[in-house]
Structures are given as structure tokens and as C-alpha cells.
Amino acid sequence: MRWLAVVFALFPLPALAEFFTLKGHGGPIMGIATAPDGRIATASFDNSVGLWSDRRPEWLEGHQAAVNSVAFNGRAIYSAGDDFTLRRWPGGEVVGRHKGKIVGLATSKTRVATASWDGTIGIWPEDGLPQQTLMVGSGVNAVVFSPDGSTLYSAGMDGALRVWDVASGQETLRLIEHGFAINELVLNAKDNWIAYGAVDGVTRILDLSTGEERDFTLGRRPILALTLSPDRRLLAVGDGEGYIMVIDTLEWRIAQDFRATLRGPVWALAFSVDGQNIHAGGIDEAMYSWPVVGLGEQEQMASDEPSFLKNPGEMSNGERQFTRKCSICHSLTPDSQRRAGPTLHGIFGRTAGTLPGYLYSDTLQDSDIVWNDKTINALFDEGPDHYIPGSKMPMQRITQAQDREDLIDFLRQVTTSRN
């Protein structure tokens, strides 16, 4: 049997794919990217990017709101989100800024493109060329470069799939006028097709040579994620009802259709570099990675139900208000779990913007607000955008005085009674 050892030494078997999770974020996973060396980057609602090597994270902090998209480009990592900024890592410097949230990224060898809800596409050169702004006129959800970087495809809220000449910044063609917003694009340039997923659940693949469309719509809506395997054989589709559909693009059939979540959507998808695993993100605070083979036999995401999905009938009114308005961004524990906002433990009597270890906006760092019954009531009566304009808190109000009073009573009970 010595000859077998020689064969295995010369031609080792590939490592078996296995299920795993990446845990550490404090909010839903909104974007995933993989690097050729096996690193994984995760973008989260908790305002951070996780850079994972051997399943250990390095936290890239700097965004002041949810991070929606992340991409590797050579040695650099780019991220963008609800704070309107495009950042480059390491360092986290702001290299681009929009007037609305950025929801999509694409990279070429010399440029980065951003899709923004402000109705524009930003093209940010890495080679010293001038920055470009492509005017679309309605919110842009997705962008993708051709392999040589000369052409850009975009799609967005008006349902149009546009083709742009990057050098001139001019729109050259409209491939699709769908009628419903298109959320996601995947370009397979080698096989000359582009896939798109829309708000109404449509999932189609357009042949760029013939104009023929293949339809894989299953009626689940909206489509929130698309990704292509490294060998171009499999196209994975994530939707708002928590399913991952896998399309075999050689045989043009649905190979697998997996309910990936117990509740909630699939927001992010990416194949591993070797194509053996599919990584996914949703409302759970972990990235899940399943072997592609036997996908439907695996554990589902969000086995522990997030607090904001608890049955309202099982909670007091104060807890309901916290769950609806606060829980996705704030924890109540002394250890300040990673969240988009700081922990509320010990909030009564604390000066705003002073909790160590949290990156506050300039507005709160310079504030003289002390959190108490009166100031918390005013925060939700007026809304954060009026009470502390310029802070990172989302625009929201609690209009009923009794609801505000019940929330304050709940917070006083749970934030002052824990050790």
C-alpha cells in the first residue's frame, strides 16, 4: 500500500467542506466578501467590518452607521454603508462620500464603484484619475464592473439595468426595463450573461449575446443577494423569506432550494474561495457557512430568536417599546456587547457620549446632556434628529406619553439592577 501514500503525497485530496459560523458581531450581517487567501470580510448593522483569518476576527471600526457592503481589492478592503461614506482599510480613511446611503460596491483593478440611494454612482479611482459621478436620477442598488474595468453595469429603484462606458461616464445601453426595483446583479463575463434579482421576486439570467432570458422566479420576494461560484457553475440567490436557491448554470436547473433561516431574510451571500461552502448573513449576529453539497441537511440560521422578533404579547409595554425602538442597536449588559449603539447599562445619570470604548459622533462627544427621565422622554418625544441633530441615532419617535413613561420605567429596572 506504499504506492497509495505516494499518490496521496503527490495528489492530496481536497479538504472536506464543513459547517461553521463566525460569531462576534452585534447586529445582522449585511455583506460578505472573500479574498483569494481565504480571508472573509463581514459588514454588519453594528457599524463594523469583521476581517476573519482562521475564523478569528479583527474589527475594523470607523463607520458611524450600519455597514452594507464590503469588497476586497488587492491588498485593500473597501466598505460602505448608511453613513454615506466609502472607506478603505487598513486605516479606514474616507475615500468617497455620497448624499445618501451606499448599498452596493464593485471593484476593478484601478477603480471602486459605489451604488447610492442618492441617485448617483460614484467611481473612485486608485490611480490618480479624477473622481466621477454618474447621474442616474433614482436610487442605485447594485453595480458591477466588466473584467477589464472599461464597462460598468448598474441597477436600481427604477427597474432599469444600465450599461456605462467608464472612460466617458456615459450611459451606452439599457438592457432591461423591469418595472420593479432591481436589487442585485451578478456578471458572468466569460459565459456572457448577467443575472439580476428584483423586489418582486424575479430572478432572471440575461444572455448578453442573444438577449434571451432564463427565468428562475419562485415567487418569494424580495431578492436580496446573488453570488456566483468560482467555477461559474452555481448561482446562489437569497431572498426576503429566508431561502437560498442554488441554480446550476450548466444544466440551467434549480439544483437546491434551502430554507436557510428560521425567521427573517438572507441579506448576504458569498461562496468560499474553493467553492465548497456558501457563506450567508441574515438577522442573526453570526455569519453561517454551509457545505454546498447537502445544503438542505444543515442547521438553519437564527436558532436563538432575536429579541425584536419576540411575541409582543409576552412582554410588558415598556419592554415592547425597547424591543421595537432600541434592541437592535443597544444591549442592556455591563459588558457592552458589540452593537450599533452603546450599552444602556447604567445609563441613568451618565453624561451622553462618555461611555469608554464606543465611537460616538462629534455631536454627542460635545454634548452636555445627562440621561435621566426628563432627557430620555424628550429624546423620544422630539425624535433624535431634533433633540440631538447630527447624532448616529436613527429618526424615530414614541408619540404616546404613556409608552415613553413605560419605556423609561423598563430601562430604569433593567439597567440599574444588574451587576
Protein backbone atom coordinates (compact mmCIF):
# COMPACT_ATOMS: atom_id res chain seq x y z
CA MET A 1 0.00 0.00 0.00
CA ARG A 2 3.06 2.23 -0.05
CA TRP A 3 2.11 3.37 -3.55
CA LEU A 4 -1.12 4.88 -2.15
CA ALA A 5 0.89 7.03 0.24
CA VAL A 6 2.99 8.24 -2.67
CA VAL A 7 -0.13 9.06 -4.72
CA PHE A 8 -1.72 10.98 -1.83
CA ALA A 9 1.51 12.86 -1.23
CA LEU A 10 1.67 13.92 -4.88
CA PHE A 11 -2.05 14.49 -5.31
CA PRO A 12 -3.57 15.25 -1.89
CA LEU A 13 -7.33 15.05 -1.55
CA PRO A 14 -9.10 18.38 -1.06
CA ALA A 15 -10.14 19.19 2.48
CA LEU A 16 -13.70 18.19 3.25
CA ALA A 17 -16.13 21.07 3.49
CA GLU A 18 -17.62 21.64 6.93
CA PHE A 19 -20.30 23.76 8.55
CA PHE A 20 -19.08 26.67 10.67
CA THR A 21 -20.14 30.06 11.99
CA LEU A 22 -18.30 33.34 12.55
CA LYS A 23 -19.58 34.95 15.74
CA GLY A 24 -18.78 38.30 17.29
CA HIS A 25 -20.89 40.90 15.53
CA GLY A 26 -23.62 42.70 17.43
CA GLY A 27 -26.11 43.05 14.60
CA PRO A 28 -27.34 41.46 11.38
CA ILE A 29 -24.78 40.60 8.69
CA MET A 30 -25.42 42.82 5.66
CA GLY A 31 -22.47 41.99 3.36
CA ILE A 32 -19.81 39.29 2.88
CA ALA A 33 -16.65 39.18 0.76
CA THR A 34 -13.91 36.59 0.34
CA ALA A 35 -10.24 37.10 -0.52
CA PRO A 36 -8.03 34.77 -2.59
CA ASP A 37 -6.03 33.90 0.54
CA GLY A 38 -9.16 32.64 2.32
CA ARG A 39 -9.90 35.66 4.50
CA ILE A 40 -13.52 36.66 4.93
CA ALA A 41 -14.86 40.17 5.48
CA THR A 42 -18.30 40.74 7.00
CA ALA A 43 -20.25 44.01 7.03
CA SER A 44 -22.76 44.46 9.82
CA PHE A 45 -25.57 46.60 11.16
CA ASP A 46 -23.34 47.10 14.23
CA ASN A 47 -21.31 49.75 12.28
CA SER A 48 -18.27 47.48 11.94
CA VAL A 49 -16.43 45.27 9.48
CA GLY A 50 -15.11 41.94 10.69
CA LEU A 51 -11.94 40.69 8.98
CA TRP A 52 -11.66 36.97 9.66
CA SER A 53 -8.47 34.92 9.38
CA ASP A 54 -8.68 31.28 10.52
CA ARG A 55 -12.09 32.23 11.98
CA ARG A 56 -10.60 34.87 14.28
CA PRO A 57 -11.78 38.47 13.84
CA GLU A 58 -10.04 41.77 13.52
CA TRP A 59 -12.58 44.57 13.97
CA LEU A 60 -12.40 47.47 11.54
CA GLU A 61 -14.12 50.40 13.26
CA GLY A 62 -14.85 53.80 11.82
CA HIS A 63 -18.26 53.82 10.16
CA GLN A 64 -20.86 55.83 12.04
CA ALA A 65 -23.85 53.79 10.87
CA ALA A 66 -24.65 50.34 9.52
CA VAL A 67 -22.18 48.88 7.03
CA ASN A 68 -23.98 47.45 4.00
CA SER A 69 -21.26 46.29 1.63
CA VAL A 70 -17.63 45.17 1.70
CA ALA A 71 -15.14 44.16 -1.01
CA PHE A 72 -11.52 43.06 -1.32
CA ASN A 73 -9.37 44.71 -3.98
CA GLY A 74 -5.76 43.59 -3.96
CA ARG A 75 -4.31 44.47 -0.57
CA ALA A 76 -7.10 46.89 0.24
CA ILE A 77 -10.55 46.33 1.70
CA TYR A 78 -13.39 48.72 0.90
CA SER A 79 -16.59 49.16 2.90
CA ALA A 80 -19.62 51.42 2.60
CA GLY A 81 -22.85 51.98 4.44
CA ASP A 82 -25.60 54.12 5.90
CA ASP A 83 -23.20 56.90 6.93
CA PHE A 84 -22.84 57.78 3.19
CA THR A 85 -19.09 57.01 3.20
CA LEU A 86 -16.76 54.70 1.30
CA ARG A 87 -13.79 53.68 3.46
CA ARG A 88 -10.51 51.94 2.65
CA TRP A 89 -8.75 49.60 5.05
CA PRO A 90 -6.32 49.27 6.71
CA GLY A 91 -6.75 52.67 8.24
CA GLY A 92 -10.40 53.31 7.48
CA GLU A 93 -9.84 56.59 5.63
CA VAL A 94 -12.86 58.06 3.86
CA VAL A 95 -12.13 57.90 0.12
CA GLY A 96 -15.64 58.68 -1.12
CA ARG A 97 -18.83 60.28 0.13
CA HIS A 98 -22.42 60.37 -1.14
CA LYS A 99 -25.53 62.30 -0.06
CA GLY A 100 -27.41 59.10 0.74
CA LYS A 101 -26.70 55.61 1.99
CA ILE A 102 -24.39 53.39 -0.06
CA VAL A 103 -25.79 49.91 -0.61
CA GLY A 104 -23.52 48.39 -3.26
CA LEU A 105 -19.81 48.18 -4.15
CA ALA A 106 -17.82 46.96 -7.14
CA THR A 107 -14.08 46.97 -7.75
CA SER A 108 -11.81 46.82 -10.78
CA LYS A 109 -8.02 46.90 -10.88
CA THR A 110 -7.98 50.70 -10.83
CA ARG A 111 -11.38 51.85 -9.56
CA VAL A 112 -14.09 51.37 -6.98
CA ALA A 113 -17.75 52.00 -7.84
CA THR A 114 -20.45 52.82 -5.27
CA ALA A 115 -24.22 52.48 -5.66
CA SER A 116 -26.14 55.01 -3.60
CA TRP A 117 -29.74 55.85 -2.81
CA ASP A 118 -28.92 59.49 -3.60
CA GLY A 119 -29.47 58.59 -7.26
CA THR A 120 -25.81 58.52 -8.29
CA ILE A 121 -22.95 56.12 -8.91
CA GLY A 122 -19.55 57.16 -7.60
CA ILE A 123 -16.38 56.00 -9.36
CA TRP A 124 -13.35 56.45 -7.15
CA PRO A 125 -10.00 55.89 -8.95
CA GLU A 126 -6.99 54.29 -7.31
CA ASP A 127 -4.61 55.57 -9.97
CA GLY A 128 -4.84 59.32 -9.51
CA LEU A 129 -7.50 59.89 -12.18
CA PRO A 130 -10.38 62.30 -11.41
CA GLN A 131 -13.36 61.05 -9.42
CA GLN A 132 -16.55 60.56 -11.47
CA THR A 133 -20.23 60.87 -10.59
CA LEU A 134 -22.69 59.10 -12.86
CA MET A 135 -26.17 60.63 -12.63
CA VAL A 136 -28.96 58.06 -12.59
CA GLY A 137 -31.81 60.07 -11.07
CA SER A 138 -33.22 57.34 -8.82
CA GLY A 139 -31.71 55.19 -6.11
CA VAL A 140 -28.99 52.77 -7.24
CA ASN A 141 -28.83 49.35 -5.58
CA ALA A 142 -26.12 47.41 -7.44
CA VAL A 143 -23.05 47.94 -9.62
CA VAL A 144 -20.61 45.54 -11.27
CA PHE A 145 -17.55 46.09 -13.50
CA SER A 146 -16.59 44.16 -16.60
CA PRO A 147 -13.31 42.25 -16.05
CA ASP A 148 -11.22 44.91 -17.80
CA GLY A 149 -12.91 47.72 -15.89
CA SER A 150 -13.99 49.60 -19.01
CA THR A 151 -17.71 48.91 -18.62
CA LEU A 152 -19.99 49.26 -15.62
CA TYR A 153 -23.44 47.72 -15.17
CA SER A 154 -25.91 49.25 -12.72
CA ALA A 155 -29.43 48.62 -11.48
CA GLY A 156 -31.73 50.26 -9.01
CA MET A 157 -35.10 51.50 -7.92
CA ASP A 158 -36.41 52.40 -11.37
CA GLY A 159 -36.01 48.80 -12.58
CA ALA A 160 -33.53 49.70 -15.32
CA LEU A 161 -30.37 47.68 -15.96
CA ARG A 162 -27.94 50.20 -17.42
CA VAL A 163 -24.58 49.87 -19.18
CA TRP A 164 -21.99 52.64 -18.74
CA ASP A 165 -18.76 53.50 -20.51
CA VAL A 166 -16.40 54.18 -17.62
CA ALA A 167 -13.95 56.38 -19.53
CA SER A 168 -16.61 58.86 -20.65
CA GLY A 169 -19.07 58.34 -17.80
CA GLN A 170 -21.88 58.00 -20.33
CA GLU A 171 -24.77 55.54 -20.34
CA THR A 172 -24.49 53.49 -23.54
CA LEU A 173 -27.35 51.00 -23.29
CA ARG A 174 -30.36 49.90 -21.25
CA LEU A 175 -30.55 46.14 -21.18
CA ILE A 176 -33.69 45.80 -19.05
CA GLU A 177 -36.69 47.96 -18.13
CA HIS A 178 -38.16 45.73 -15.46
CA GLY A 179 -40.79 47.93 -13.85
CA PHE A 180 -39.86 46.90 -10.30
CA ALA A 181 -36.68 47.80 -8.43
CA ILE A 182 -33.69 45.58 -9.18
CA ASN A 183 -31.68 44.87 -6.03
CA GLU A 184 -28.81 42.62 -7.13
CA LEU A 185 -26.56 41.92 -10.14
CA VAL A 186 -24.01 39.22 -10.97
CA LEU A 187 -21.97 39.37 -14.18
CA ASN A 188 -20.50 36.22 -15.73
CA ALA A 189 -18.37 37.77 -18.46
CA LYS A 190 -16.70 34.54 -19.56
CA ASP A 191 -20.04 32.95 -20.37
CA ASN A 192 -21.52 36.30 -21.44
CA TRP A 193 -24.55 36.55 -19.19
CA ILE A 194 -25.77 38.75 -16.37
CA ALA A 195 -28.16 37.73 -13.57
CA TYR A 196 -30.48 40.07 -11.72
CA GLY A 197 -32.83 39.82 -8.76
CA ALA A 198 -35.70 42.19 -8.09
CA VAL A 199 -38.06 43.43 -5.40
CA ASP A 200 -40.96 41.46 -6.88
CA GLY A 201 -39.03 38.19 -6.52
CA VAL A 202 -37.97 37.93 -10.15
CA THR A 203 -34.70 36.04 -10.69
CA ARG A 204 -33.54 36.02 -14.31
CA ILE A 205 -30.38 35.42 -16.31
CA LEU A 206 -29.90 37.50 -19.45
CA ASP A 207 -27.73 36.23 -22.31
CA LEU A 208 -25.74 39.28 -23.42
CA SER A 209 -25.23 37.88 -26.94
CA THR A 210 -28.75 36.85 -27.84
CA GLY A 211 -30.94 38.79 -25.40
CA GLU A 212 -32.57 35.53 -24.30
CA GLU A 213 -33.70 35.42 -20.66
CA ARG A 214 -33.91 32.38 -18.42
CA ASP A 215 -36.41 32.76 -15.59
CA PHE A 216 -35.90 31.10 -12.18
CA THR A 217 -38.52 33.10 -10.30
CA LEU A 218 -40.11 31.18 -7.42
CA GLY A 219 -42.42 33.91 -6.14
CA ARG A 220 -40.52 34.70 -2.96
CA ARG A 221 -39.74 38.36 -2.54
CA PRO A 222 -37.67 40.42 -2.47
CA ILE A 223 -34.38 39.08 -3.87
CA LEU A 224 -31.65 40.43 -1.57
CA ALA A 225 -28.44 38.58 -2.50
CA LEU A 226 -26.78 36.97 -5.53
CA THR A 227 -23.38 35.32 -5.80
CA LEU A 228 -21.56 33.15 -8.37
CA SER A 229 -19.30 30.23 -7.50
CA PRO A 230 -15.62 30.48 -8.50
CA ASP A 231 -16.07 27.84 -11.23
CA ARG A 232 -19.14 29.73 -12.55
CA ARG A 233 -21.22 26.56 -12.21
CA LEU A 234 -23.54 27.69 -9.41
CA LEU A 235 -25.52 30.88 -8.90
CA ALA A 236 -26.87 31.30 -5.35
CA VAL A 237 -29.90 33.50 -4.64
CA GLY A 238 -31.00 34.79 -1.22
CA ASP A 239 -34.47 36.21 -0.61
CA GLY A 240 -36.58 38.05 1.93
CA GLU A 241 -38.29 34.87 3.09
CA GLY A 242 -35.05 33.23 4.20
CA TYR A 243 -34.33 30.82 1.35
CA ILE A 244 -31.14 30.14 -0.59
CA MET A 245 -31.84 28.88 -4.10
CA VAL A 246 -28.88 27.39 -6.00
CA ILE A 247 -29.07 27.39 -9.81
CA ASP A 248 -26.92 25.03 -11.88
CA THR A 249 -25.84 27.30 -14.75
CA LEU A 250 -24.58 24.45 -16.95
CA GLU A 251 -27.80 22.44 -16.90
CA TRP A 252 -29.99 25.51 -16.26
CA ARG A 253 -31.95 23.98 -13.41
CA ILE A 254 -32.58 24.68 -9.74
CA ALA A 255 -30.13 22.33 -8.01
CA GLN A 256 -31.08 23.16 -4.40
CA ASP A 257 -33.65 25.27 -2.57
CA PHE A 258 -32.81 25.56 1.12
CA ARG A 259 -34.72 27.32 3.91
CA ALA A 260 -31.65 28.92 5.46
CA THR A 261 -33.30 30.88 8.29
CA LEU A 262 -35.88 30.07 10.90
CA ARG A 263 -37.17 33.60 10.54
CA GLY A 264 -36.12 36.63 8.57
CA PRO A 265 -34.31 37.27 5.29
CA VAL A 266 -31.00 36.27 3.74
CA TRP A 267 -29.22 39.59 3.24
CA ALA A 268 -25.75 38.49 2.15
CA LEU A 269 -24.17 35.58 0.26
CA ALA A 270 -20.67 34.63 -0.90
CA PHE A 271 -19.01 31.40 -1.96
CA SER A 272 -15.77 30.32 -0.32
CA VAL A 273 -12.65 30.67 -2.45
CA ASP A 274 -12.65 26.93 -3.21
CA GLY A 275 -16.37 26.94 -3.94
CA GLN A 276 -17.12 24.20 -1.43
CA ASN A 277 -19.02 26.41 1.05
CA ILE A 278 -21.70 29.05 0.81
CA HIS A 279 -21.46 31.87 3.37
CA ALA A 280 -24.64 33.70 4.37
CA GLY A 281 -25.81 36.52 6.61
CA GLY A 282 -29.21 37.49 7.97
CA ILE A 283 -30.83 38.74 11.15
CA ASP A 284 -28.61 36.50 13.26
CA GLU A 285 -25.47 38.12 14.64
CA ALA A 286 -23.28 35.43 13.09
CA MET A 287 -22.22 34.52 9.58
CA TYR A 288 -23.17 30.95 8.70
CA SER A 289 -21.21 28.80 6.25
CA TRP A 290 -22.62 25.56 4.88
CA PRO A 291 -21.10 22.92 2.60
CA VAL A 292 -22.72 23.32 -0.80
CA VAL A 293 -23.17 19.58 -1.09
CA GLY A 294 -26.12 18.55 1.06
CA LEU A 295 -27.11 22.14 1.77
CA GLY A 296 -30.64 21.25 2.85
CA GLU A 297 -29.40 18.89 5.56
CA GLN A 298 -27.68 21.63 7.55
CA GLU A 299 -28.55 23.72 10.62
CA GLN A 300 -30.58 26.88 9.97
CA MET A 301 -29.63 30.42 10.88
CA ALA A 302 -31.01 32.31 13.87
CA SER A 303 -31.63 29.31 16.11
CA ASP A 304 -31.85 31.82 19.00
CA GLU A 305 -34.63 34.24 18.20
CA PRO A 306 -33.55 37.91 18.36
CA SER A 307 -35.38 39.98 20.94
CA PHE A 308 -37.01 42.16 18.28
CA LEU A 309 -38.84 39.05 16.98
CA LYS A 310 -40.27 38.00 20.35
CA ASN A 311 -44.02 37.71 20.74
CA PRO A 312 -45.24 41.18 21.85
CA GLY A 313 -47.96 39.55 23.91
CA GLU A 314 -45.34 38.03 26.20
CA MET A 315 -43.79 41.39 27.11
CA SER A 316 -44.72 44.40 29.22
CA ASN A 317 -45.42 47.61 27.33
CA GLY A 318 -42.05 49.06 28.38
CA GLU A 319 -40.20 46.01 27.09
CA ARG A 320 -42.20 46.15 23.85
CA GLN A 321 -41.10 49.74 23.32
CA PHE A 322 -37.47 48.83 23.98
CA THR A 323 -37.69 45.83 21.67
CA ARG A 324 -39.20 47.83 18.83
CA LYS A 325 -37.16 51.01 19.13
CA CYS A 326 -33.89 50.14 20.82
CA SER A 327 -32.92 46.46 20.95
CA ILE A 328 -31.34 46.08 17.52
CA CYS A 329 -28.82 48.86 18.34
CA HIS A 330 -28.40 48.68 22.13
CA SER A 331 -27.67 45.95 24.67
CA LEU A 332 -28.52 46.08 28.38
CA THR A 333 -25.50 44.19 29.67
CA PRO A 334 -22.48 45.60 31.56
CA ASP A 335 -20.03 44.03 29.11
CA SER A 336 -21.20 46.35 26.28
CA GLN A 337 -21.82 43.71 23.62
CA ARG A 338 -20.95 44.81 20.10
CA ARG A 339 -23.90 46.83 18.80
CA ALA A 340 -24.57 49.79 16.53
CA GLY A 341 -25.09 51.84 19.71
CA PRO A 342 -23.52 51.75 23.18
CA THR A 343 -24.88 49.60 26.01
CA LEU A 344 -27.65 51.19 28.06
CA HIS A 345 -26.45 49.56 31.26
CA GLY A 346 -26.01 52.32 33.85
CA ILE A 347 -27.47 54.94 31.55
CA PHE A 348 -29.31 56.91 34.26
CA GLY A 349 -27.04 59.71 35.44
CA ARG A 350 -24.49 59.16 32.66
CA THR A 351 -23.42 62.11 30.51
CA ALA A 352 -24.14 61.45 26.84
CA GLY A 353 -21.14 60.45 24.74
CA THR A 354 -18.93 59.34 27.64
CA LEU A 355 -19.03 55.53 27.68
CA PRO A 356 -15.44 54.30 27.17
CA GLY A 357 -14.76 52.18 24.10
CA TYR A 358 -17.63 53.40 21.93
CA LEU A 359 -17.06 55.62 18.88
CA TYR A 360 -19.56 58.48 19.34
CA SER A 361 -20.49 61.16 16.84
CA ASP A 362 -18.97 64.60 17.41
CA THR A 363 -22.42 65.84 18.41
CA LEU A 364 -22.64 63.54 21.41
CA GLN A 365 -19.00 63.83 22.37
CA ASP A 366 -19.53 67.58 22.82
CA SER A 367 -22.96 67.25 24.45
CA ASP A 368 -23.83 68.29 27.99
CA ILE A 369 -26.92 66.03 28.09
CA VAL A 370 -27.22 63.81 31.17
CA TRP A 371 -29.52 60.85 30.67
CA ASN A 372 -32.45 60.81 33.09
CA ASP A 373 -36.24 60.55 32.98
CA LYS A 374 -36.59 64.04 31.51
CA THR A 375 -33.93 63.76 28.78
CA ILE A 376 -34.90 60.23 27.68
CA ASN A 377 -38.52 61.36 27.45
CA ALA A 378 -37.50 64.37 25.33
CA LEU A 379 -35.33 62.18 23.09
CA PHE A 380 -38.28 60.04 22.02
CA ASP A 381 -40.88 62.81 22.17
CA GLU A 382 -38.98 65.09 19.77
CA GLY A 383 -37.03 62.36 17.97
CA PRO A 384 -33.22 62.08 17.88
CA ASP A 385 -32.99 64.12 14.66
CA HIS A 386 -34.46 67.13 16.52
CA TYR A 387 -33.25 66.56 20.07
CA ILE A 388 -29.63 65.73 19.18
CA PRO A 389 -29.26 66.56 15.46
CA GLY A 390 -26.11 65.12 13.95
CA SER A 391 -26.03 62.02 16.15
CA LYS A 392 -25.94 58.49 14.73
CA MET A 393 -29.34 57.56 16.19
CA PRO A 394 -31.98 56.77 13.54
CA MET A 395 -35.00 59.01 13.12
CA GLN A 396 -37.80 57.65 15.31
CA ARG A 397 -40.32 58.85 17.86
CA ILE A 398 -42.57 57.38 20.52
CA THR A 399 -45.61 59.60 20.21
CA GLN A 400 -47.67 58.40 23.18
CA ALA A 401 -46.64 59.78 26.59
CA GLN A 402 -47.62 56.55 28.36
CA ASP A 403 -45.40 54.49 26.04
CA ARG A 404 -42.45 56.77 26.80
CA GLU A 405 -43.12 56.53 30.53
CA ASP A 406 -43.32 52.73 30.35
CA LEU A 407 -40.06 52.57 28.39
CA ILE A 408 -38.29 54.73 30.98
CA ASP A 409 -39.61 52.55 33.82
CA PHE A 410 -38.40 49.42 31.99
CA LEU A 411 -34.96 50.90 31.36
CA ARG A 412 -34.59 52.00 34.98
CA GLN A 413 -35.45 48.50 36.16
CA VAL A 414 -33.18 46.55 33.82
CA THR A 415 -30.20 48.92 33.65
CA THR A 416 -29.77 49.59 37.36
CA SER A 417 -30.49 46.17 38.87
CA ARG A 418 -27.76 44.19 37.13
CA ASN A 419 -24.29 43.71 38.48
